[in-house]
C-alpha atoms as a PDB file:
ATOM      1  CA  MET A   1     -63.943  19.070 -60.416  1.00  0.00           C
ATOM      2  CA  ALA A   2     -65.925  22.004 -59.039  1.00  0.00           C
ATOM      3  CA  ALA A   3     -66.564  23.358 -55.567  1.00  0.00           C
ATOM      4  CA  ASP A   4     -69.820  24.443 -53.971  1.00  0.00           C
ATOM      5  CA  MET A   5     -69.427  28.059 -52.913  1.00  0.00           C
ATOM      6  CA  THR A   6     -71.560  27.561 -49.817  1.00  0.00           C
ATOM      7  CA  ALA A   7     -68.728  25.470 -48.337  1.00  0.00           C
ATOM      8  CA  GLN A   8     -65.797  27.568 -49.571  1.00  0.00           C
ATOM      9  CA  SER A   9     -64.521  31.114 -49.075  1.00  0.00           C
ATOM     10  CA  TRP A  10     -63.401  31.708 -52.636  1.00  0.00           C
ATOM     11  CA  VAL A  11     -66.170  34.159 -53.380  1.00  0.00           C
ATOM     12  CA  ASP A  12     -68.388  36.650 -51.590  1.00  0.00           C
ATOM     13  CA  PRO A  13     -71.898  35.057 -51.527  1.00  0.00           C
ATOM     14  CA  GLU A  14     -73.545  38.396 -50.855  1.00  0.00           C
ATOM     15  CA  ARG A  15     -71.823  40.030 -53.794  1.00  0.00           C
ATOM     16  CA  PHE A  16     -72.316  37.037 -56.145  1.00  0.00           C
ATOM     17  CA  PRO A  17     -75.437  35.175 -54.968  1.00  0.00           C
ATOM     18  CA  LEU A  18     -75.811  33.288 -58.268  1.00  0.00           C
ATOM     19  CA  LEU A  19     -72.225  32.064 -58.397  1.00  0.00           C
ATOM     20  CA  ARG A  20     -72.468  28.550 -56.993  1.00  0.00           C
ATOM     21  CA  ARG A  21     -69.469  26.687 -58.378  1.00  0.00           C
ATOM     22  CA  ARG A  22     -65.887  27.331 -59.435  1.00  0.00           C
ATOM     23  CA  MET A  23     -63.655  24.836 -61.187  1.00  0.00           C
ATOM     24  CA  TYR A  24     -60.462  23.834 -59.402  1.00  0.00           C
ATOM     25  CA  SER A  25     -59.683  20.266 -60.591  1.00  0.00           C
ATOM     26  CA  THR A  26     -56.949  18.566 -58.501  1.00  0.00           C
ATOM     27  CA  LEU A  27     -55.164  21.824 -57.621  1.00  0.00           C
ATOM     28  CA  GLU A  28     -57.475  22.594 -54.658  1.00  0.00           C
ATOM     29  CA  ASN A  29     -57.941  26.225 -55.649  1.00  0.00           C
ATOM     30  CA  PRO A  30     -59.540  27.894 -58.690  1.00  0.00           C
ATOM     31  CA  ASN A  31     -56.811  30.523 -58.901  1.00  0.00           C
ATOM     32  CA  LEU A  32     -54.132  27.838 -59.133  1.00  0.00           C
ATOM     33  CA  LEU A  33     -56.060  26.079 -61.876  1.00  0.00           C
ATOM     34  CA  GLY A  34     -56.351  29.397 -63.697  1.00  0.00           C
ATOM     35  CA  ALA A  35     -52.587  29.913 -63.446  1.00  0.00           C
ATOM     36  CA  TYR A  36     -51.941  26.404 -64.767  1.00  0.00           C
ATOM     37  CA  ALA A  37     -54.359  26.979 -67.635  1.00  0.00           C
ATOM     38  CA  VAL A  38     -52.738  30.234 -68.774  1.00  0.00           C
ATOM     39  CA  MET A  39     -49.290  28.615 -68.754  1.00  0.00           C
ATOM     40  CA  ILE A  40     -50.407  25.786 -71.014  1.00  0.00           C
ATOM     41  CA  ILE A  41     -52.426  28.192 -73.159  1.00  0.00           C
ATOM     42  CA  SER A  42     -49.274  30.279 -73.684  1.00  0.00           C
ATOM     43  CA  ILE A  43     -47.250  27.339 -75.000  1.00  0.00           C
ATOM     44  CA  LEU A  44     -50.065  25.840 -77.083  1.00  0.00           C
ATOM     45  CA  THR A  45     -50.955  29.196 -78.631  1.00  0.00           C
ATOM     46  CA  ALA A  46     -47.424  29.525 -79.977  1.00  0.00           C
ATOM     47  CA  PHE A  47     -47.532  26.031 -81.480  1.00  0.00           C
ATOM     48  CA  PHE A  48     -51.019  26.592 -82.878  1.00  0.00           C
ATOM     49  CA  LEU A  49     -49.970  29.762 -84.678  1.00  0.00           C
ATOM     50  CA  ARG A  50     -46.796  28.295 -86.149  1.00  0.00           C
ATOM     51  CA  GLU A  51     -48.036  24.786 -86.954  1.00  0.00           C
ATOM     52  CA  ARG A  52     -48.424  24.061 -90.672  1.00  0.00           C
ATOM     53  CA  GLN A  53     -49.911  20.583 -90.617  1.00  0.00           C
ATOM     54  CA  LYS A  54     -53.713  20.813 -90.560  1.00  0.00           C
ATOM     55  CA  ARG A  55     -54.363  17.821 -88.302  1.00  0.00           C
ATOM     56  CA  ARG A  56     -52.022  19.071 -85.598  1.00  0.00           C
ATOM     57  CA  LYS A  57     -53.406  22.585 -85.931  1.00  0.00           C
ATOM     58  CA  TRP A  58     -56.939  21.287 -85.392  1.00  0.00           C
ATOM     59  CA  ALA A  59     -55.747  19.252 -82.401  1.00  0.00           C
ATOM     60  CA  PHE A  60     -54.142  22.333 -80.873  1.00  0.00           C
ATOM     61  CA  ALA A  61     -57.313  24.334 -81.555  1.00  0.00           C
ATOM     62  CA  ILE A  62     -59.524  21.798 -79.747  1.00  0.00           C
ATOM     63  CA  ILE A  63     -57.218  21.656 -76.734  1.00  0.00           C
ATOM     64  CA  LEU A  64     -57.057  25.447 -76.596  1.00  0.00           C
ATOM     65  CA  PHE A  65     -60.853  25.680 -76.678  1.00  0.00           C
ATOM     66  CA  VAL A  66     -61.149  23.267 -73.730  1.00  0.00           C
ATOM     67  CA  LEU A  67     -58.505  25.156 -71.773  1.00  0.00           C
ATOM     68  CA  LEU A  68     -60.195  28.510 -72.431  1.00  0.00           C
ATOM     69  CA  LEU A  69     -63.537  27.090 -71.295  1.00  0.00           C
ATOM     70  CA  CYS A  70     -61.904  25.715 -68.157  1.00  0.00           C
ATOM     71  CA  LEU A  71     -60.230  29.066 -67.549  1.00  0.00           C
ATOM     72  CA  ALA A  72     -63.578  30.849 -67.806  1.00  0.00           C
ATOM     73  CA  LEU A  73     -65.194  28.467 -65.305  1.00  0.00           C
ATOM     74  CA  THR A  74     -62.522  29.087 -62.687  1.00  0.00           C
ATOM     75  CA  TYR A  75     -63.935  32.631 -62.339  1.00  0.00           C
ATOM     76  CA  SER A  76     -60.391  33.694 -61.533  1.00  0.00           C
ATOM     77  CA  ARG A  77     -60.178  37.375 -62.383  1.00  0.00           C
ATOM     78  CA  GLY A  78     -56.412  37.434 -62.165  1.00  0.00           C
ATOM     79  CA  ALA A  79     -56.201  34.574 -64.664  1.00  0.00           C
ATOM     80  CA  TRP A  80     -58.550  36.423 -67.002  1.00  0.00           C
ATOM     81  CA  LEU A  81     -56.290  39.466 -66.872  1.00  0.00           C
ATOM     82  CA  SER A  82     -53.258  37.282 -67.572  1.00  0.00           C
ATOM     83  CA  LEU A  83     -55.060  36.012 -70.664  1.00  0.00           C
ATOM     84  CA  ALA A  84     -55.182  39.634 -71.797  1.00  0.00           C
ATOM     85  CA  ALA A  85     -51.410  39.737 -71.199  1.00  0.00           C
ATOM     86  CA  ILE A  86     -51.011  36.835 -73.628  1.00  0.00           C
ATOM     87  CA  VAL A  87     -52.973  38.750 -76.263  1.00  0.00           C
ATOM     88  CA  LEU A  88     -50.814  41.811 -75.588  1.00  0.00           C
ATOM     89  CA  GLY A  89     -47.684  39.717 -76.020  1.00  0.00           C
ATOM     90  CA  LEU A  90     -48.941  38.374 -79.348  1.00  0.00           C
ATOM     91  CA  THR A  91     -49.700  41.931 -80.440  1.00  0.00           C
ATOM     92  CA  LEU A  92     -46.243  43.211 -79.553  1.00  0.00           C
ATOM     93  CA  PHE A  93     -44.086  40.299 -80.648  1.00  0.00           C
ATOM     94  CA  TYR A  94     -46.037  38.270 -83.212  1.00  0.00           C
ATOM     95  CA  ASP A  95     -48.731  40.136 -85.127  1.00  0.00           C
ATOM     96  CA  LYS A  96     -50.181  43.563 -84.362  1.00  0.00           C
ATOM     97  CA  ARG A  97     -53.570  42.460 -85.646  1.00  0.00           C
ATOM     98  CA  PHE A  98     -54.117  40.548 -82.399  1.00  0.00           C
ATOM     99  CA  GLY A  99     -54.662  43.957 -80.803  1.00  0.00           C
ATOM    100  CA  PHE A 100     -58.117  44.056 -82.364  1.00  0.00           C
ATOM    101  CA  LEU A 101     -59.177  41.338 -79.907  1.00  0.00           C
ATOM    102  CA  PHE A 102     -59.232  43.970 -77.174  1.00  0.00           C
ATOM    103  CA  PHE A 103     -62.170  45.615 -78.950  1.00  0.00           C
ATOM    104  CA  LEU A 104     -64.197  42.476 -78.180  1.00  0.00           C
ATOM    105  CA  ILE A 105     -64.090  43.188 -74.437  1.00  0.00           C
ATOM    106  CA  PRO A 106     -66.535  46.147 -74.442  1.00  0.00           C
ATOM    107  CA  LEU A 107     -68.813  44.263 -76.832  1.00  0.00           C
ATOM    108  CA  VAL A 108     -68.976  41.261 -74.500  1.00  0.00           C
ATOM    109  CA  LEU A 109     -69.534  43.496 -71.480  1.00  0.00           C
ATOM    110  CA  PHE A 110     -72.340  45.299 -73.277  1.00  0.00           C
ATOM    111  CA  PHE A 111     -74.291  42.317 -74.626  1.00  0.00           C
ATOM    112  CA  TYR A 112     -73.592  39.683 -71.952  1.00  0.00           C
ATOM    113  CA  HIS A 113     -74.751  40.222 -68.367  1.00  0.00           C
ATOM    114  CA  GLY A 114     -74.002  36.879 -66.714  1.00  0.00           C
ATOM    115  CA  GLN A 115     -71.937  36.038 -63.647  1.00  0.00           C
ATOM    116  CA  MET A 116     -68.666  36.211 -65.569  1.00  0.00           C
ATOM    117  CA  VAL A 117     -69.241  39.865 -66.397  1.00  0.00           C
ATOM    118  CA  GLU A 118     -70.358  40.600 -62.853  1.00  0.00           C
ATOM    119  CA  ARG A 119     -67.247  38.883 -61.560  1.00  0.00           C
ATOM    120  CA  PHE A 120     -64.979  40.842 -63.883  1.00  0.00           C
ATOM    121  CA  LEU A 121     -66.571  44.235 -63.207  1.00  0.00           C
ATOM    122  CA  SER A 122     -66.244  43.685 -59.451  1.00  0.00           C
ATOM    123  CA  LEU A 123     -62.531  44.405 -59.868  1.00  0.00           C
ATOM    124  CA  PHE A 124     -63.365  48.068 -60.327  1.00  0.00           C
ATOM    125  CA  SER A 125     -66.266  48.445 -57.900  1.00  0.00           C
ATOM    126  CA  GLY A 126     -64.452  47.916 -54.595  1.00  0.00           C
ATOM    127  CA  GLU A 127     -67.483  46.123 -53.135  1.00  0.00           C
ATOM    128  CA  ASP A 128     -65.970  42.635 -53.213  1.00  0.00           C
ATOM    129  CA  THR A 129     -64.515  41.486 -49.884  1.00  0.00           C
ATOM    130  CA  SER A 130     -61.642  39.624 -51.594  1.00  0.00           C
ATOM    131  CA  VAL A 131     -60.496  42.854 -53.238  1.00  0.00           C
ATOM    132  CA  GLY A 132     -60.614  44.655 -49.898  1.00  0.00           C
ATOM    133  CA  LEU A 133     -58.712  41.794 -48.261  1.00  0.00           C
ATOM    134  CA  ARG A 134     -55.920  42.068 -50.815  1.00  0.00           C
ATOM    135  CA  PHE A 135     -55.486  45.785 -50.207  1.00  0.00           C
ATOM    136  CA  ALA A 136     -55.299  45.098 -46.465  1.00  0.00           C
ATOM    137  CA  LEU A 137     -52.715  42.342 -46.985  1.00  0.00           C
ATOM    138  CA  TRP A 138     -50.613  44.615 -49.164  1.00  0.00           C
ATOM    139  CA  GLU A 139     -50.688  47.305 -46.482  1.00  0.00           C
ATOM    140  CA  SER A 140     -49.477  44.783 -43.911  1.00  0.00           C
ATOM    141  CA  THR A 141     -46.805  43.473 -46.274  1.00  0.00           C
ATOM    142  CA  ILE A 142     -45.457  46.960 -46.952  1.00  0.00           C
ATOM    143  CA  ALA A 143     -45.132  47.406 -43.185  1.00  0.00           C
ATOM    144  CA  MET A 144     -43.093  44.174 -43.044  1.00  0.00           C
ATOM    145  CA  ILE A 145     -40.795  45.439 -45.787  1.00  0.00           C
ATOM    146  CA  GLU A 146     -40.291  48.776 -44.031  1.00  0.00           C
ATOM    147  CA  GLU A 147     -39.243  47.067 -40.783  1.00  0.00           C
ATOM    148  CA  HIS A 148     -37.145  44.313 -42.422  1.00  0.00           C
ATOM    149  CA  PRO A 149     -35.831  45.868 -45.632  1.00  0.00           C
ATOM    150  CA  LEU A 150     -32.573  43.935 -46.123  1.00  0.00           C
ATOM    151  CA  LEU A 151     -33.146  40.328 -45.037  1.00  0.00           C
ATOM    152  CA  GLY A 152     -36.941  40.182 -44.723  1.00  0.00           C
ATOM    153  CA  VAL A 153     -38.883  38.114 -42.215  1.00  0.00           C
ATOM    154  CA  GLY A 154     -37.516  34.811 -43.505  1.00  0.00           C
ATOM    155  CA  TRP A 155     -38.177  32.527 -46.468  1.00  0.00           C
ATOM    156  CA  GLY A 156     -41.604  30.931 -46.096  1.00  0.00           C
ATOM    157  CA  SER A 157     -42.230  32.738 -42.807  1.00  0.00           C
ATOM    158  CA  TYR A 158     -44.873  35.165 -43.972  1.00  0.00           C
ATOM    159  CA  TYR A 159     -47.659  33.324 -42.121  1.00  0.00           C
ATOM    160  CA  LEU A 160     -45.614  33.490 -38.911  1.00  0.00           C
ATOM    161  CA  ALA A 161     -44.936  37.202 -39.188  1.00  0.00           C
ATOM    162  CA  TYR A 162     -48.375  38.274 -40.393  1.00  0.00           C
ATOM    163  CA  PRO A 163     -50.168  38.219 -36.975  1.00  0.00           C
ATOM    164  CA  ASP A 164     -47.902  41.079 -35.861  1.00  0.00           C
ATOM    165  CA  TYR A 165     -49.058  43.127 -38.845  1.00  0.00           C
ATOM    166  CA  ASN A 166     -52.707  42.093 -38.873  1.00  0.00           C
ATOM    167  CA  PHE A 167     -54.593  45.318 -39.495  1.00  0.00           C
ATOM    168  CA  PHE A 168     -57.697  43.827 -41.097  1.00  0.00           C
ATOM    169  CA  ILE A 169     -58.804  40.327 -40.101  1.00  0.00           C
ATOM    170  CA  GLN A 170     -58.134  40.492 -36.355  1.00  0.00           C
ATOM    171  CA  ASP A 171     -58.678  36.751 -35.948  1.00  0.00           C
ATOM    172  CA  GLU A 172     -55.818  34.650 -34.575  1.00  0.00           C
ATOM    173  CA  HIS A 173     -57.308  31.459 -35.979  1.00  0.00           C
ATOM    174  CA  VAL A 174     -57.034  32.664 -39.592  1.00  0.00           C
ATOM    175  CA  LEU A 175     -53.717  31.835 -41.255  1.00  0.00           C
ATOM    176  CA  ILE A 176     -52.511  34.016 -44.116  1.00  0.00           C
ATOM    177  CA  PHE A 177     -49.755  32.142 -45.963  1.00  0.00           C
ATOM    178  CA  HIS A 178     -48.770  34.797 -48.501  1.00  0.00           C
ATOM    179  CA  ALA A 179     -49.451  38.394 -49.499  1.00  0.00           C
ATOM    180  CA  HIS A 180     -51.495  37.618 -52.634  1.00  0.00           C
ATOM    181  CA  ASN A 181     -48.832  39.522 -54.535  1.00  0.00           C
ATOM    182  CA  MET A 182     -45.630  37.789 -55.634  1.00  0.00           C
ATOM    183  CA  TYR A 183     -43.559  40.977 -55.774  1.00  0.00           C
ATOM    184  CA  LEU A 184     -44.448  42.224 -52.290  1.00  0.00           C
ATOM    185  CA  ASN A 185     -44.307  38.715 -50.835  1.00  0.00           C
ATOM    186  CA  MET A 186     -40.742  38.073 -52.028  1.00  0.00           C
ATOM    187  CA  LEU A 187     -39.548  41.464 -50.786  1.00  0.00           C
ATOM    188  CA  ALA A 188     -41.152  40.814 -47.384  1.00  0.00           C
ATOM    189  CA  GLU A 189     -39.708  37.319 -46.955  1.00  0.00           C
ATOM    190  CA  VAL A 190     -36.150  37.654 -48.299  1.00  0.00           C
ATOM    191  CA  GLY A 191     -35.608  41.396 -48.313  1.00  0.00           C
ATOM    192  CA  ILE A 192     -34.776  43.799 -51.090  1.00  0.00           C
ATOM    193  CA  VAL A 193     -31.569  42.010 -52.135  1.00  0.00           C
ATOM    194  CA  GLY A 194     -33.088  38.542 -52.215  1.00  0.00           C
ATOM    195  CA  GLY A 195     -36.321  39.769 -53.756  1.00  0.00           C
ATOM    196  CA  ALA A 196     -34.442  41.602 -56.496  1.00  0.00           C
ATOM    197  CA  ALA A 197     -32.407  38.462 -57.226  1.00  0.00           C
ATOM    198  CA  PHE A 198     -35.564  36.360 -57.497  1.00  0.00           C
ATOM    199  CA  LEU A 199     -37.357  38.843 -59.728  1.00  0.00           C
ATOM    200  CA  LEU A 200     -34.258  39.194 -61.911  1.00  0.00           C
ATOM    201  CA  THR A 201     -34.221  35.412 -62.362  1.00  0.00           C
ATOM    202  CA  PHE A 202     -37.932  35.387 -63.089  1.00  0.00           C
ATOM    203  CA  PHE A 203     -37.852  38.055 -65.784  1.00  0.00           C
ATOM    204  CA  ALA A 204     -34.582  36.687 -67.185  1.00  0.00           C
ATOM    205  CA  GLN A 205     -36.596  33.680 -68.320  1.00  0.00           C
ATOM    206  CA  GLY A 206     -38.711  35.980 -70.450  1.00  0.00           C
ATOM    207  CA  PHE A 207     -35.637  37.731 -71.859  1.00  0.00           C
ATOM    208  CA  LEU A 208     -33.973  34.431 -72.782  1.00  0.00           C
ATOM    209  CA  CYS A 209     -37.171  33.217 -74.438  1.00  0.00           C
ATOM    210  CA  TRP A 210     -37.392  36.493 -76.373  1.00  0.00           C
ATOM    211  CA  LYS A 211     -33.833  35.980 -77.631  1.00  0.00           C
ATOM    212  CA  LEU A 212     -34.708  32.462 -78.770  1.00  0.00           C
ATOM    213  CA  TYR A 213     -37.794  33.685 -80.573  1.00  0.00           C
ATOM    214  CA  ARG A 214     -35.941  36.520 -82.308  1.00  0.00           C
ATOM    215  CA  GLY A 215     -32.891  34.393 -83.128  1.00  0.00           C
ATOM    216  CA  LYS A 216     -32.016  32.250 -86.114  1.00  0.00           C
ATOM    217  CA  ALA A 217     -32.716  28.886 -84.529  1.00  0.00           C
ATOM    218  CA  SER A 218     -35.048  26.179 -85.800  1.00  0.00           C
ATOM    219  CA  LEU A 219     -38.803  26.669 -86.042  1.00  0.00           C
ATOM    220  CA  PHE A 220     -39.380  24.491 -82.966  1.00  0.00           C
ATOM    221  CA  THR A 221     -36.913  26.493 -80.878  1.00  0.00           C
ATOM    222  CA  ARG A 222     -38.396  29.830 -81.935  1.00  0.00           C
ATOM    223  CA  THR A 223     -41.882  28.514 -81.154  1.00  0.00           C
ATOM    224  CA  MET A 224     -40.790  27.441 -77.681  1.00  0.00           C
ATOM    225  CA  GLY A 225     -39.256  30.879 -77.229  1.00  0.00           C
ATOM    226  CA  LEU A 226     -42.527  32.604 -78.142  1.00  0.00           C
ATOM    227  CA  GLY A 227     -44.521  30.321 -75.837  1.00  0.00           C
ATOM    228  CA  GLY A 228     -42.107  30.858 -72.960  1.00  0.00           C
ATOM    229  CA  LEU A 229     -42.238  34.626 -73.425  1.00  0.00           C
ATOM    230  CA  LEU A 230     -46.046  34.619 -73.329  1.00  0.00           C
ATOM    231  CA  MET A 231     -45.998  32.395 -70.245  1.00  0.00           C
ATOM    232  CA  VAL A 232     -43.706  34.745 -68.318  1.00  0.00           C
ATOM    233  CA  MET A 233     -45.907  37.703 -69.239  1.00  0.00           C
ATOM    234  CA  ALA A 234     -49.035  35.838 -68.088  1.00  0.00           C
ATOM    235  CA  ILE A 235     -47.558  34.794 -64.730  1.00  0.00           C
ATOM    236  CA  ALA A 236     -46.157  38.301 -64.210  1.00  0.00           C
ATOM    237  CA  VAL A 237     -49.688  39.725 -64.494  1.00  0.00           C
ATOM    238  CA  ILE A 238     -51.518  37.146 -62.388  1.00  0.00           C
ATOM    239  CA  SER A 239     -48.837  37.506 -59.701  1.00  0.00           C
ATOM    240  CA  MET A 240     -49.922  41.096 -59.130  1.00  0.00           C
ATOM    241  CA  SER A 241     -53.067  39.887 -57.390  1.00  0.00           C
ATOM    242  CA  ASP A 242     -51.957  36.444 -56.202  1.00  0.00           C
ATOM    243  CA  HIS A 243     -48.812  34.480 -55.425  1.00  0.00           C
ATOM    244  CA  VAL A 244     -49.485  31.426 -57.563  1.00  0.00           C
ATOM    245  CA  LEU A 245     -45.835  30.314 -57.488  1.00  0.00           C
ATOM    246  CA  PHE A 246     -46.357  29.741 -53.766  1.00  0.00           C
ATOM    247  CA  GLY A 247     -48.120  26.519 -54.770  1.00  0.00           C
ATOM    248  CA  ARG A 248     -45.548  23.794 -55.379  1.00  0.00           C
ATOM    249  CA  SER A 249     -47.440  22.284 -58.300  1.00  0.00           C
ATOM    250  CA  ILE A 250     -47.667  25.610 -60.149  1.00  0.00           C
ATOM    251  CA  SER A 251     -44.094  26.570 -59.288  1.00  0.00           C
ATOM    252  CA  PHE A 252     -42.762  23.221 -60.504  1.00  0.00           C
ATOM    253  CA  CYS A 253     -44.748  23.524 -63.719  1.00  0.00           C
ATOM    254  CA  PHE A 254     -43.575  27.084 -64.409  1.00  0.00           C
ATOM    255  CA  TRP A 255     -39.875  26.488 -63.820  1.00  0.00           C
ATOM    256  CA  SER A 256     -39.967  23.176 -65.695  1.00  0.00           C
ATOM    257  CA  LEU A 257     -41.561  24.786 -68.750  1.00  0.00           C
ATOM    258  CA  SER A 258     -39.104  27.684 -68.514  1.00  0.00           C
ATOM    259  CA  ALA A 259     -36.201  25.234 -68.428  1.00  0.00           C
ATOM    260  CA  LEU A 260     -37.565  23.370 -71.447  1.00  0.00           C
ATOM    261  CA  CYS A 261     -37.919  26.606 -73.417  1.00  0.00           C
ATOM    262  CA  VAL A 262     -34.370  27.732 -72.664  1.00  0.00           C
ATOM    263  CA  GLU A 263     -32.918  24.243 -73.106  1.00  0.00           C
ATOM    264  CA  ALA A 264     -34.440  24.046 -76.577  1.00  0.00           C
ATOM    265  CA  GLY A 265     -32.114  26.819 -77.695  1.00  0.00           C
ATOM    266  CA  THR A 266     -29.132  25.807 -75.571  1.00  0.00           C
ATOM    267  CA  GLY A 267     -29.257  22.208 -76.749  1.00  0.00           C
ATOM    268  CA  GLU A 268     -29.420  23.298 -80.376  1.00  0.00           C
ATOM    269  CA  GLN A 269     -26.457  25.626 -79.916  1.00  0.00           C
ATOM    270  CA  LEU A 270     -24.367  22.947 -78.187  1.00  0.00           C
ATOM    271  CA  SER A 271     -25.251  20.476 -80.919  1.00  0.00           C
ATOM    272  CA  GLY A 272     -23.916  22.836 -83.568  1.00  0.00           C
ATOM    273  CA  GLU A 273     -20.717  23.466 -81.594  1.00  0.00           C
ATOM    274  CA  SER A 274     -20.091  19.740 -81.120  1.00  0.00           C
ATOM    275  CA  VAL A 275     -20.373  19.184 -84.860  1.00  0.00           C
ATOM    276  CA  LYS A 276     -17.853  21.931 -85.539  1.00  0.00           C
ATOM    277  CA  GLY A 277     -15.542  20.691 -82.794  1.00  0.00           C
ATOM    278  CA  ALA A 278     -15.497  17.211 -84.292  1.00  0.00           C
ATOM    279  CA  ALA A 279     -15.013  18.370 -87.856  1.00  0.00           C
ATOM    280  CA  MET A 280     -12.392  21.103 -87.598  1.00  0.00           C
ATOM    281  CA  PRO A 281      -9.559  19.035 -86.030  1.00  0.00           C
ATOM    282  CA  GLU A 282      -9.949  16.475 -88.788  1.00  0.00           C
ATOM    283  CA  ALA A 283      -9.840  19.230 -91.372  1.00  0.00           C
ATOM    284  CA  MET A 284      -6.818  20.899 -89.787  1.00  0.00           C
ATOM    285  CA  HIS A 285      -4.984  17.572 -89.552  1.00  0.00           C
ATOM    286  CA  ARG A 286      -5.287  17.111 -93.298  1.00  0.00           C
ATOM    287  CA  SER A 287      -4.728  20.728 -94.248  1.00  0.00           C
ATOM    288  CA  SER A 288      -1.282  19.904 -95.594  1.00  0.00           C
ATOM    289  CA  GLN A 289      -2.883  17.684 -98.228  1.00  0.00           C
ATOM    290  CA  ILE A 290      -5.183  20.418 -99.500  1.00  0.00           C
ATOM    291  CA  THR A 291      -4.409  23.243-101.855  1.00  0.00           C
ATOM    292  CA  PHE A 292      -7.025  25.676-103.029  1.00  0.00           C
ATOM    293  CA  ALA A 293      -7.642  29.264-103.906  1.00  0.00           C
ATOM    294  CA  GLY A 294     -11.050  30.762-103.228  1.00  0.00           C
ATOM    295  CA  SER A 295     -13.037  33.813-102.407  1.00  0.00           C
ATOM    296  CA  LEU A 296     -15.868  34.606 -99.987  1.00  0.00           C
ATOM    297  CA  ARG A 297     -18.703  36.817-101.093  1.00  0.00           C
ATOM    298  CA  VAL A 298     -21.595  38.004 -98.925  1.00  0.00           C
ATOM    299  CA  ARG A 299     -25.099  38.632-100.218  1.00  0.00           C
ATOM    300  CA  PRO A 300     -26.838  41.904 -99.263  1.00  0.00           C
ATOM    301  CA  CYS A 301     -28.942  40.014 -96.704  1.00  0.00           C
ATOM    302  CA  GLY A 302     -25.780  38.883 -94.905  1.00  0.00           C
ATOM    303  CA  THR A 303     -25.837  35.204 -95.909  1.00  0.00           C
ATOM    304  CA  PRO A 304     -22.372  33.986 -96.991  1.00  0.00           C
ATOM    305  CA  MET A 305     -21.998  32.679-100.547  1.00  0.00           C
ATOM    306  CA  TYR A 306     -18.925  30.652-101.444  1.00  0.00           C
ATOM    307  CA  HIS A 307     -17.021  30.429-104.741  1.00  0.00           C
ATOM    308  CA  PHE A 308     -14.202  27.897-104.943  1.00  0.00           C
ATOM    309  CA  HIS A 309     -11.594  27.833-107.705  1.00  0.00           C
ATOM    310  CA  ASN A 310      -8.911  25.239-108.442  1.00  0.00           C
ATOM    311  CA  LEU A 311      -9.918  23.131-105.434  1.00  0.00           C
ATOM    312  CA  HIS A 312      -7.838  19.981-105.053  1.00  0.00           C
ATOM    313  CA  CYS A 313      -8.401  17.605-102.141  1.00  0.00           C
ATOM    314  CA  GLU A 314      -6.647  14.248-101.758  1.00  0.00           C
ATOM    315  CA  ASP A 315      -9.073  13.196 -99.023  1.00  0.00           C
ATOM    316  CA  HIS A 316     -12.700  13.706-100.114  1.00  0.00           C
ATOM    317  CA  ARG A 317     -13.946  13.372 -96.506  1.00  0.00           C
ATOM    318  CA  PHE A 318     -12.621  16.865 -95.788  1.00  0.00           C
ATOM    319  CA  HIS A 319     -15.094  18.391 -98.203  1.00  0.00           C
ATOM    320  CA  SER A 320     -18.159  17.061 -96.315  1.00  0.00           C
ATOM    321  CA  LEU A 321     -16.682  17.620 -92.858  1.00  0.00           C
ATOM    322  CA  TRP A 322     -15.764  21.217 -93.588  1.00  0.00           C
ATOM    323  CA  ALA A 323     -19.185  21.964 -95.054  1.00  0.00           C
ATOM    324  CA  LEU A 324     -20.989  20.236 -92.147  1.00  0.00           C
ATOM    325  CA  SER A 325     -19.047  22.216 -89.564  1.00  0.00           C
ATOM    326  CA  HIS A 326     -20.290  25.503 -91.066  1.00  0.00           C
ATOM    327  CA  ILE A 327     -23.994  24.738 -91.447  1.00  0.00           C
ATOM    328  CA  ASN A 328     -25.107  26.778 -88.415  1.00  0.00           C
ATOM    329  CA  ASP A 329     -22.188  29.242 -88.338  1.00  0.00           C
ATOM    330  CA  ASP A 330     -22.711  32.926 -88.892  1.00  0.00           C
ATOM    331  CA  LEU A 331     -19.866  34.036 -91.102  1.00  0.00           C
ATOM    332  CA  SER A 332     -20.956  37.604 -91.652  1.00  0.00           C
ATOM    333  CA  ASN A 333     -17.975  38.912 -89.643  1.00  0.00           C
ATOM    334  CA  ARG A 334     -15.439  36.149 -90.385  1.00  0.00           C
ATOM    335  CA  ASN A 335     -13.128  35.368 -93.313  1.00  0.00           C
ATOM    336  CA  TYR A 336     -12.058  31.766 -93.427  1.00  0.00           C
ATOM    337  CA  LEU A 337     -10.804  31.784 -97.038  1.00  0.00           C
END
């Protein structure tokens, strides 16, 4: 679904006379569609890179191509910058060779002179009215924060407080619902304490996903961790020029995907603990029937290696239960034998 720019205010017609349509689908705004696209691109990119089966890899590649095309047609500059954040995340946390993709940007800008390049370069020209509007909104929002530093103007009350800080539009019929900047908007609405708590929760999602990705969990869990980390980085960048989490659909999608990423690791950890909890009481109950002498050796890499000598067990179920309870246990700092 695309919108005719003559009936919308999503672009400056004088600055971009050839830009007639922007994709927005069912989200009613191209910037929201761009935010949704970068979230899904983050997750799918992680699965595409770590998938080994060719058919699934091709399926992920096709979906990614469609999403990238859709992202380009939104003409959302903030979403384009968040795509660069995904590439930066891959460079830092996955493979440094992804950094070479940044060299493609000057090549594209040099050889291609269409509306996408004009739209992108307008970020640095200062001639676009939407860029000027954002600077004016940020000035008004900073004034709100200075007058209400602790508690803010109230959750969801930005549009009610903005007329008192309207330094730019000067039109009482125009409603401004947010500051087009997530960080300033949260500080203005709920104050420094509440804003800091929200931002801490937001970036904690990225930290938890990073721990999952760098941990020793399953391939699926580490992939979800990488995708979640890229998603947080992408939303953090696009939120500098827009407050996409203000939209309920985007906010629900972001927090749901974040919960799935974290739950992937939490569920796996709880599953391992439940196995150990079920096995160890049984083993301890029958410990009087077991006599053995053994030794525990550790390889240089830290992986435990067991050597059992003179093992005698009257109940053979103990052998399997004890081994099963230690499948996911890190014994590098423990001595059970």
